[in-house]
Amino acid sequence: MQTYQAILKAWYASRNWTEYDFQQELAEAYRQGYNGILNAPTGSGKTYAMWLPVIAKHLADETHRQKGLRVLWITPLRALAKDIRKALQEACDLFDMDWRVEIRTGDISAKEKQAQKKQLPECLIITPESLHVLLCQVGYEQIFSQLDCVVVDEWHELIGSKRGVQIELALSRLKALATQQNRQLRIWGISAPIGNLTEALEVLLGKDADEENAVVVRS
């Protein structure tokens, strides 16, 4: 069984890449159980910086072997969902993980939704609206009973908007559910540079946005 750090090093070595300081900082924060915001410009490697710690944690932890939804990756941009899915799935495949990464937006077919209803993937890329549809389903508590992490992509595009409020409400419910089920739920936002990161963190995390629970990682 590889260690968390060894798994991360293996990924970067496979690509002949060198980790940036912010990628190492985020990986360590995630390992320690922090919530937070990754503040990085487009093209800086922020998707992999966020995703690799998530899968490394699961690979290094022998207790996380059951099937079921583990990660929600919330995106406001349906047009980018396919690119995100490809990147996340490629990382899983490199480590021979049996994880599936799928999309849940208004664009997918009824057939795909039915298949997901029978067996959800380990990672679901989803819009704020589609997440609320899931939360309204009968027995939704079971759908999220193994959820370990929620990533809110493009948080700078959502904060202060109606869709941002939808996410705040959804996160509040998911956190309450995790507490009821006695499990930890990590919540991370990915944001391009914005004016007030402290406020962005507070809006995303609410009462959990204190120094003991949350960090801002800057590229």
C-alpha atoms as a PDB file:
ATOM      1  CA  MET A   1       0.000   0.000   0.000  1.00  0.00           C
ATOM      2  CA  GLN A   2       1.530   3.300  -1.113  1.00  0.00           C
ATOM      3  CA  THR A   3       1.564   6.307   1.153  1.00  0.00           C
ATOM      4  CA  TYR A   4      -0.341   9.479   0.355  1.00  0.00           C
ATOM      5  CA  GLN A   5       2.836  11.383  -0.551  1.00  0.00           C
ATOM      6  CA  ALA A   6       4.175   8.515  -2.687  1.00  0.00           C
ATOM      7  CA  ILE A   7       0.980   8.422  -4.728  1.00  0.00           C
ATOM      8  CA  LEU A   8       1.219  12.134  -5.469  1.00  0.00           C
ATOM      9  CA  LYS A   9       4.892  11.879  -6.421  1.00  0.00           C
ATOM     10  CA  ALA A  10       4.109   8.958  -8.742  1.00  0.00           C
ATOM     11  CA  TRP A  11       1.548  11.037 -10.621  1.00  0.00           C
ATOM     12  CA  TYR A  12       3.875  13.983 -11.223  1.00  0.00           C
ATOM     13  CA  ALA A  13       6.703  11.655 -12.162  1.00  0.00           C
ATOM     14  CA  SER A  14       4.473   9.923 -14.731  1.00  0.00           C
ATOM     15  CA  ARG A  15       3.946  13.279 -16.429  1.00  0.00           C
ATOM     16  CA  ASN A  16       7.525  14.514 -15.994  1.00  0.00           C
ATOM     17  CA  TRP A  17       6.094  17.468 -14.105  1.00  0.00           C
ATOM     18  CA  THR A  18       7.424  19.248 -11.056  1.00  0.00           C
ATOM     19  CA  GLU A  19       4.965  20.150  -8.315  1.00  0.00           C
ATOM     20  CA  TYR A  20       4.392  23.820  -7.666  1.00  0.00           C
ATOM     21  CA  ASP A  21       4.514  25.039  -4.092  1.00  0.00           C
ATOM     22  CA  PHE A  22       0.774  25.712  -4.051  1.00  0.00           C
ATOM     23  CA  GLN A  23       0.055  22.135  -5.202  1.00  0.00           C
ATOM     24  CA  GLN A  24       2.154  20.754  -2.351  1.00  0.00           C
ATOM     25  CA  GLU A  25       0.477  23.133   0.108  1.00  0.00           C
ATOM     26  CA  LEU A  26      -3.003  22.096  -0.978  1.00  0.00           C
ATOM     27  CA  ALA A  27      -2.126  18.406  -0.817  1.00  0.00           C
ATOM     28  CA  GLU A  28      -0.901  18.772   2.755  1.00  0.00           C
ATOM     29  CA  ALA A  29      -3.953  20.825   3.784  1.00  0.00           C
ATOM     30  CA  TYR A  30      -6.270  18.216   2.304  1.00  0.00           C
ATOM     31  CA  ARG A  31      -4.398  15.374   4.022  1.00  0.00           C
ATOM     32  CA  GLN A  32      -4.827  17.128   7.357  1.00  0.00           C
ATOM     33  CA  GLY A  33      -8.574  17.455   6.859  1.00  0.00           C
ATOM     34  CA  TYR A  34      -8.879  21.164   6.099  1.00  0.00           C
ATOM     35  CA  ASN A  35     -11.579  22.842   4.043  1.00  0.00           C
ATOM     36  CA  GLY A  36     -10.645  25.822   1.935  1.00  0.00           C
ATOM     37  CA  ILE A  37     -10.283  27.721  -1.300  1.00  0.00           C
ATOM     38  CA  LEU A  38      -7.697  27.208  -4.009  1.00  0.00           C
ATOM     39  CA  ASN A  39      -6.968  30.586  -5.557  1.00  0.00           C
ATOM     40  CA  ALA A  40      -5.213  30.147  -8.898  1.00  0.00           C
ATOM     41  CA  PRO A  41      -5.457  31.534 -12.449  1.00  0.00           C
ATOM     42  CA  THR A  42      -6.644  29.516 -15.441  1.00  0.00           C
ATOM     43  CA  GLY A  43      -3.964  27.248 -16.860  1.00  0.00           C
ATOM     44  CA  SER A  44      -1.997  26.909 -13.623  1.00  0.00           C
ATOM     45  CA  GLY A  45      -2.842  23.236 -13.008  1.00  0.00           C
ATOM     46  CA  LYS A  46      -5.530  23.888 -10.418  1.00  0.00           C
ATOM     47  CA  THR A  47      -7.823  21.032 -11.499  1.00  0.00           C
ATOM     48  CA  TYR A  48      -5.160  18.390 -10.902  1.00  0.00           C
ATOM     49  CA  ALA A  49      -3.945  20.262  -7.814  1.00  0.00           C
ATOM     50  CA  MET A  50      -7.398  19.716  -6.316  1.00  0.00           C
ATOM     51  CA  TRP A  51      -8.192  16.274  -7.689  1.00  0.00           C
ATOM     52  CA  LEU A  52      -4.942  14.413  -6.995  1.00  0.00           C
ATOM     53  CA  PRO A  53      -5.116  14.826  -3.185  1.00  0.00           C
ATOM     54  CA  VAL A  54      -8.686  13.511  -3.277  1.00  0.00           C
ATOM     55  CA  ILE A  55      -7.806  10.273  -5.050  1.00  0.00           C
ATOM     56  CA  ALA A  56      -4.489   9.885  -3.187  1.00  0.00           C
ATOM     57  CA  LYS A  57      -6.397  10.014   0.111  1.00  0.00           C
ATOM     58  CA  HIS A  58      -8.669   7.206  -1.015  1.00  0.00           C
ATOM     59  CA  LEU A  59      -5.854   5.070  -2.411  1.00  0.00           C
ATOM     60  CA  ALA A  60      -3.872   5.437   0.804  1.00  0.00           C
ATOM     61  CA  ASP A  61      -6.856   4.671   3.033  1.00  0.00           C
ATOM     62  CA  GLU A  62      -7.827   1.013   3.018  1.00  0.00           C
ATOM     63  CA  THR A  63     -11.181   1.755   4.656  1.00  0.00           C
ATOM     64  CA  HIS A  64     -12.526   3.504   1.543  1.00  0.00           C
ATOM     65  CA  ARG A  65     -13.274   0.579  -0.712  1.00  0.00           C
ATOM     66  CA  GLN A  66     -17.075   0.444  -0.975  1.00  0.00           C
ATOM     67  CA  LYS A  67     -18.886   1.511  -4.109  1.00  0.00           C
ATOM     68  CA  GLY A  68     -20.871   4.741  -4.044  1.00  0.00           C
ATOM     69  CA  LEU A  69     -20.679   8.484  -4.528  1.00  0.00           C
ATOM     70  CA  ARG A  70     -17.525   9.896  -2.932  1.00  0.00           C
ATOM     71  CA  VAL A  71     -16.997  13.251  -4.620  1.00  0.00           C
ATOM     72  CA  LEU A  72     -19.260  15.983  -5.962  1.00  0.00           C
ATOM     73  CA  TRP A  73     -17.552  18.347  -8.395  1.00  0.00           C
ATOM     74  CA  ILE A  74     -19.916  21.293  -8.819  1.00  0.00           C
ATOM     75  CA  THR A  75     -19.451  23.387 -11.937  1.00  0.00           C
ATOM     76  CA  PRO A  76     -21.517  26.312 -13.239  1.00  0.00           C
ATOM     77  CA  LEU A  77     -20.229  25.751 -16.793  1.00  0.00           C
ATOM     78  CA  ARG A  78     -21.832  22.786 -18.538  1.00  0.00           C
ATOM     79  CA  ALA A  79     -19.640  23.417 -21.585  1.00  0.00           C
ATOM     80  CA  LEU A  80     -16.531  22.491 -19.555  1.00  0.00           C
ATOM     81  CA  ALA A  81     -18.005  19.407 -17.901  1.00  0.00           C
ATOM     82  CA  LYS A  82     -16.708  16.986 -20.539  1.00  0.00           C
ATOM     83  CA  ASP A  83     -13.168  18.358 -20.345  1.00  0.00           C
ATOM     84  CA  ILE A  84     -13.209  18.141 -16.555  1.00  0.00           C
ATOM     85  CA  ARG A  85     -14.549  14.584 -16.671  1.00  0.00           C
ATOM     86  CA  LYS A  86     -11.786  13.518 -19.076  1.00  0.00           C
ATOM     87  CA  ALA A  87      -9.041  14.981 -16.877  1.00  0.00           C
ATOM     88  CA  LEU A  88     -10.391  13.436 -13.669  1.00  0.00           C
ATOM     89  CA  GLN A  89     -10.996  10.033 -15.239  1.00  0.00           C
ATOM     90  CA  GLU A  90      -7.501   9.920 -16.757  1.00  0.00           C
ATOM     91  CA  ALA A  91      -5.966  10.435 -13.331  1.00  0.00           C
ATOM     92  CA  CYS A  92      -8.039   7.575 -11.896  1.00  0.00           C
ATOM     93  CA  ASP A  93      -7.135   5.282 -14.795  1.00  0.00           C
ATOM     94  CA  LEU A  94      -3.415   5.946 -14.354  1.00  0.00           C
ATOM     95  CA  PHE A  95      -3.613   4.442 -10.863  1.00  0.00           C
ATOM     96  CA  ASP A  96      -5.850   1.566 -12.030  1.00  0.00           C
ATOM     97  CA  MET A  97      -8.648   2.802  -9.793  1.00  0.00           C
ATOM     98  CA  ASP A  98     -12.067   1.363 -10.518  1.00  0.00           C
ATOM     99  CA  TRP A  99     -13.601   4.801 -10.034  1.00  0.00           C
ATOM    100  CA  ARG A 100     -16.021   6.200 -12.580  1.00  0.00           C
ATOM    101  CA  VAL A 101     -16.307   9.929 -13.229  1.00  0.00           C
ATOM    102  CA  GLU A 102     -19.620  10.934 -14.785  1.00  0.00           C
ATOM    103  CA  ILE A 103     -21.619  14.056 -15.573  1.00  0.00           C
ATOM    104  CA  ARG A 104     -25.023  15.045 -14.189  1.00  0.00           C
ATOM    105  CA  THR A 105     -26.413  18.105 -15.975  1.00  0.00           C
ATOM    106  CA  GLY A 106     -29.494  18.986 -17.970  1.00  0.00           C
ATOM    107  CA  ASP A 107     -27.655  17.799 -21.088  1.00  0.00           C
ATOM    108  CA  ILE A 108     -27.435  14.098 -20.235  1.00  0.00           C
ATOM    109  CA  SER A 109     -30.090  11.672 -21.428  1.00  0.00           C
ATOM    110  CA  ALA A 110     -32.857  10.050 -19.405  1.00  0.00           C
ATOM    111  CA  LYS A 111     -31.121   6.701 -20.033  1.00  0.00           C
ATOM    112  CA  GLU A 112     -27.910   7.960 -18.419  1.00  0.00           C
ATOM    113  CA  LYS A 113     -29.846   9.305 -15.441  1.00  0.00           C
ATOM    114  CA  GLN A 114     -31.561   5.955 -14.968  1.00  0.00           C
ATOM    115  CA  ALA A 115     -28.209   4.157 -15.056  1.00  0.00           C
ATOM    116  CA  GLN A 116     -26.860   6.547 -12.425  1.00  0.00           C
ATOM    117  CA  LYS A 117     -29.921   5.934 -10.290  1.00  0.00           C
ATOM    118  CA  LYS A 118     -29.054   2.205 -10.215  1.00  0.00           C
ATOM    119  CA  GLN A 119     -25.361   2.799  -9.498  1.00  0.00           C
ATOM    120  CA  LEU A 120     -23.886   6.228  -8.961  1.00  0.00           C
ATOM    121  CA  PRO A 121     -20.267   6.840  -9.962  1.00  0.00           C
ATOM    122  CA  GLU A 122     -17.600   7.625  -7.396  1.00  0.00           C
ATOM    123  CA  CYS A 123     -17.317  11.179  -8.746  1.00  0.00           C
ATOM    124  CA  LEU A 124     -20.208  13.174 -10.153  1.00  0.00           C
ATOM    125  CA  ILE A 125     -19.634  16.415 -12.059  1.00  0.00           C
ATOM    126  CA  ILE A 126     -22.821  18.356 -11.500  1.00  0.00           C
ATOM    127  CA  THR A 127     -24.436  21.785 -11.862  1.00  0.00           C
ATOM    128  CA  PRO A 128     -26.063  23.604  -8.918  1.00  0.00           C
ATOM    129  CA  GLU A 129     -29.507  22.978 -10.395  1.00  0.00           C
ATOM    130  CA  SER A 130     -28.970  19.242 -10.887  1.00  0.00           C
ATOM    131  CA  LEU A 131     -27.614  18.928  -7.347  1.00  0.00           C
ATOM    132  CA  HIS A 132     -30.854  20.363  -5.970  1.00  0.00           C
ATOM    133  CA  VAL A 133     -32.828  17.838  -8.020  1.00  0.00           C
ATOM    134  CA  LEU A 134     -30.830  15.042  -6.358  1.00  0.00           C
ATOM    135  CA  LEU A 135     -31.436  16.555  -2.927  1.00  0.00           C
ATOM    136  CA  CYS A 136     -35.183  16.495  -3.593  1.00  0.00           C
ATOM    137  CA  GLN A 137     -35.286  12.790  -4.433  1.00  0.00           C
ATOM    138  CA  VAL A 138     -36.837  10.291  -2.059  1.00  0.00           C
ATOM    139  CA  GLY A 139     -34.090   8.622  -0.052  1.00  0.00           C
ATOM    140  CA  TYR A 140     -31.484  11.245  -0.926  1.00  0.00           C
ATOM    141  CA  GLU A 141     -29.790  10.593   2.414  1.00  0.00           C
ATOM    142  CA  GLN A 142     -28.590   7.247   1.073  1.00  0.00           C
ATOM    143  CA  ILE A 143     -27.295   8.837  -2.144  1.00  0.00           C
ATOM    144  CA  PHE A 144     -24.870  10.982  -0.145  1.00  0.00           C
ATOM    145  CA  SER A 145     -24.168   8.513   2.668  1.00  0.00           C
ATOM    146  CA  GLN A 146     -20.551   7.954   1.553  1.00  0.00           C
ATOM    147  CA  LEU A 147     -19.771  11.458   0.318  1.00  0.00           C
ATOM    148  CA  ASP A 148     -16.317  12.596   1.424  1.00  0.00           C
ATOM    149  CA  CYS A 149     -15.622  15.748  -0.571  1.00  0.00           C
ATOM    150  CA  VAL A 150     -17.408  18.557  -2.397  1.00  0.00           C
ATOM    151  CA  VAL A 151     -15.436  20.719  -4.842  1.00  0.00           C
ATOM    152  CA  VAL A 152     -17.060  23.945  -6.039  1.00  0.00           C
ATOM    153  CA  ASP A 153     -15.348  24.970  -9.267  1.00  0.00           C
ATOM    154  CA  GLU A 154     -15.331  28.558 -10.543  1.00  0.00           C
ATOM    155  CA  TRP A 155     -16.519  29.878  -7.160  1.00  0.00           C
ATOM    156  CA  HIS A 156     -15.728  33.436  -8.248  1.00  0.00           C
ATOM    157  CA  GLU A 157     -18.422  33.084 -10.947  1.00  0.00           C
ATOM    158  CA  LEU A 158     -21.030  31.880  -8.469  1.00  0.00           C
ATOM    159  CA  ILE A 159     -20.566  33.905  -5.297  1.00  0.00           C
ATOM    160  CA  GLY A 160     -23.274  36.515  -4.820  1.00  0.00           C
ATOM    161  CA  SER A 161     -25.532  35.033  -7.498  1.00  0.00           C
ATOM    162  CA  LYS A 162     -28.735  33.002  -7.306  1.00  0.00           C
ATOM    163  CA  ARG A 163     -26.762  29.877  -8.222  1.00  0.00           C
ATOM    164  CA  GLY A 164     -24.267  30.703  -5.486  1.00  0.00           C
ATOM    165  CA  VAL A 165     -27.094  30.774  -2.953  1.00  0.00           C
ATOM    166  CA  GLN A 166     -28.272  27.404  -4.298  1.00  0.00           C
ATOM    167  CA  ILE A 167     -24.823  26.007  -3.533  1.00  0.00           C
ATOM    168  CA  GLU A 168     -24.769  27.539  -0.041  1.00  0.00           C
ATOM    169  CA  LEU A 169     -28.102  25.866   0.738  1.00  0.00           C
ATOM    170  CA  ALA A 170     -26.973  22.542  -0.717  1.00  0.00           C
ATOM    171  CA  LEU A 171     -23.710  22.615   1.246  1.00  0.00           C
ATOM    172  CA  SER A 172     -25.572  23.383   4.446  1.00  0.00           C
ATOM    173  CA  ARG A 173     -27.753  20.320   3.944  1.00  0.00           C
ATOM    174  CA  LEU A 174     -24.839  18.071   2.988  1.00  0.00           C
ATOM    175  CA  LYS A 175     -22.847  19.170   6.042  1.00  0.00           C
ATOM    176  CA  ALA A 176     -25.804  18.515   8.329  1.00  0.00           C
ATOM    177  CA  LEU A 177     -26.251  15.090   6.758  1.00  0.00           C
ATOM    178  CA  ALA A 178     -22.562  14.265   7.255  1.00  0.00           C
ATOM    179  CA  THR A 179     -22.841  15.246  10.917  1.00  0.00           C
ATOM    180  CA  GLN A 180     -25.898  13.029  11.360  1.00  0.00           C
ATOM    181  CA  GLN A 181     -24.049  10.120   9.738  1.00  0.00           C
ATOM    182  CA  ASN A 182     -20.892  10.743  11.792  1.00  0.00           C
ATOM    183  CA  ARG A 183     -18.460  11.261   8.914  1.00  0.00           C
ATOM    184  CA  GLN A 184     -16.150  14.038   7.787  1.00  0.00           C
ATOM    185  CA  LEU A 185     -16.994  16.107   4.715  1.00  0.00           C
ATOM    186  CA  ARG A 186     -14.289  18.224   3.119  1.00  0.00           C
ATOM    187  CA  ILE A 187     -15.453  21.287   1.161  1.00  0.00           C
ATOM    188  CA  TRP A 188     -13.171  23.135  -1.253  1.00  0.00           C
ATOM    189  CA  GLY A 189     -13.729  25.972  -3.682  1.00  0.00           C
ATOM    190  CA  ILE A 190     -11.617  26.687  -6.753  1.00  0.00           C
ATOM    191  CA  SER A 191     -11.455  30.341  -7.670  1.00  0.00           C
ATOM    192  CA  ALA A 192      -9.630  32.625 -10.038  1.00  0.00           C
ATOM    193  CA  PRO A 193      -8.131  35.716  -8.362  1.00  0.00           C
ATOM    194  CA  ILE A 194     -10.834  37.875  -6.757  1.00  0.00           C
ATOM    195  CA  GLY A 195     -10.817  40.885  -4.462  1.00  0.00           C
ATOM    196  CA  ASN A 196     -11.790  39.473  -1.091  1.00  0.00           C
ATOM    197  CA  LEU A 197     -10.806  35.854  -0.577  1.00  0.00           C
ATOM    198  CA  THR A 198     -11.636  35.938   3.128  1.00  0.00           C
ATOM    199  CA  GLU A 199     -15.233  36.834   2.348  1.00  0.00           C
ATOM    200  CA  ALA A 200     -15.355  34.224  -0.442  1.00  0.00           C
ATOM    201  CA  LEU A 201     -14.198  31.596   2.059  1.00  0.00           C
ATOM    202  CA  GLU A 202     -16.767  32.673   4.650  1.00  0.00           C
ATOM    203  CA  VAL A 203     -19.623  32.531   2.150  1.00  0.00           C
ATOM    204  CA  LEU A 204     -18.548  29.084   0.949  1.00  0.00           C
ATOM    205  CA  LEU A 205     -18.035  27.515   4.368  1.00  0.00           C
ATOM    206  CA  GLY A 206     -20.230  29.519   6.725  1.00  0.00           C
ATOM    207  CA  LYS A 207     -19.452  28.772  10.379  1.00  0.00           C
ATOM    208  CA  ASP A 208     -16.650  26.388   9.330  1.00  0.00           C
ATOM    209  CA  ALA A 209     -14.556  29.211   7.849  1.00  0.00           C
ATOM    210  CA  ASP A 210     -12.308  29.669  10.896  1.00  0.00           C
ATOM    211  CA  GLU A 211      -8.551  29.197  11.012  1.00  0.00           C
ATOM    212  CA  GLU A 212      -8.843  25.818  12.745  1.00  0.00           C
ATOM    213  CA  ASN A 213     -10.909  24.350   9.914  1.00  0.00           C
ATOM    214  CA  ALA A 214     -10.089  26.273   6.740  1.00  0.00           C
ATOM    215  CA  VAL A 215      -7.251  27.670   4.651  1.00  0.00           C
ATOM    216  CA  VAL A 216      -6.747  29.706   1.501  1.00  0.00           C
ATOM    217  CA  VAL A 217      -4.101  28.259  -0.831  1.00  0.00           C
ATOM    218  CA  ARG A 218      -2.714  30.727  -3.376  1.00  0.00           C
ATOM    219  CA  SER A 219      -0.700  29.925  -6.466  1.00  0.00           C
END
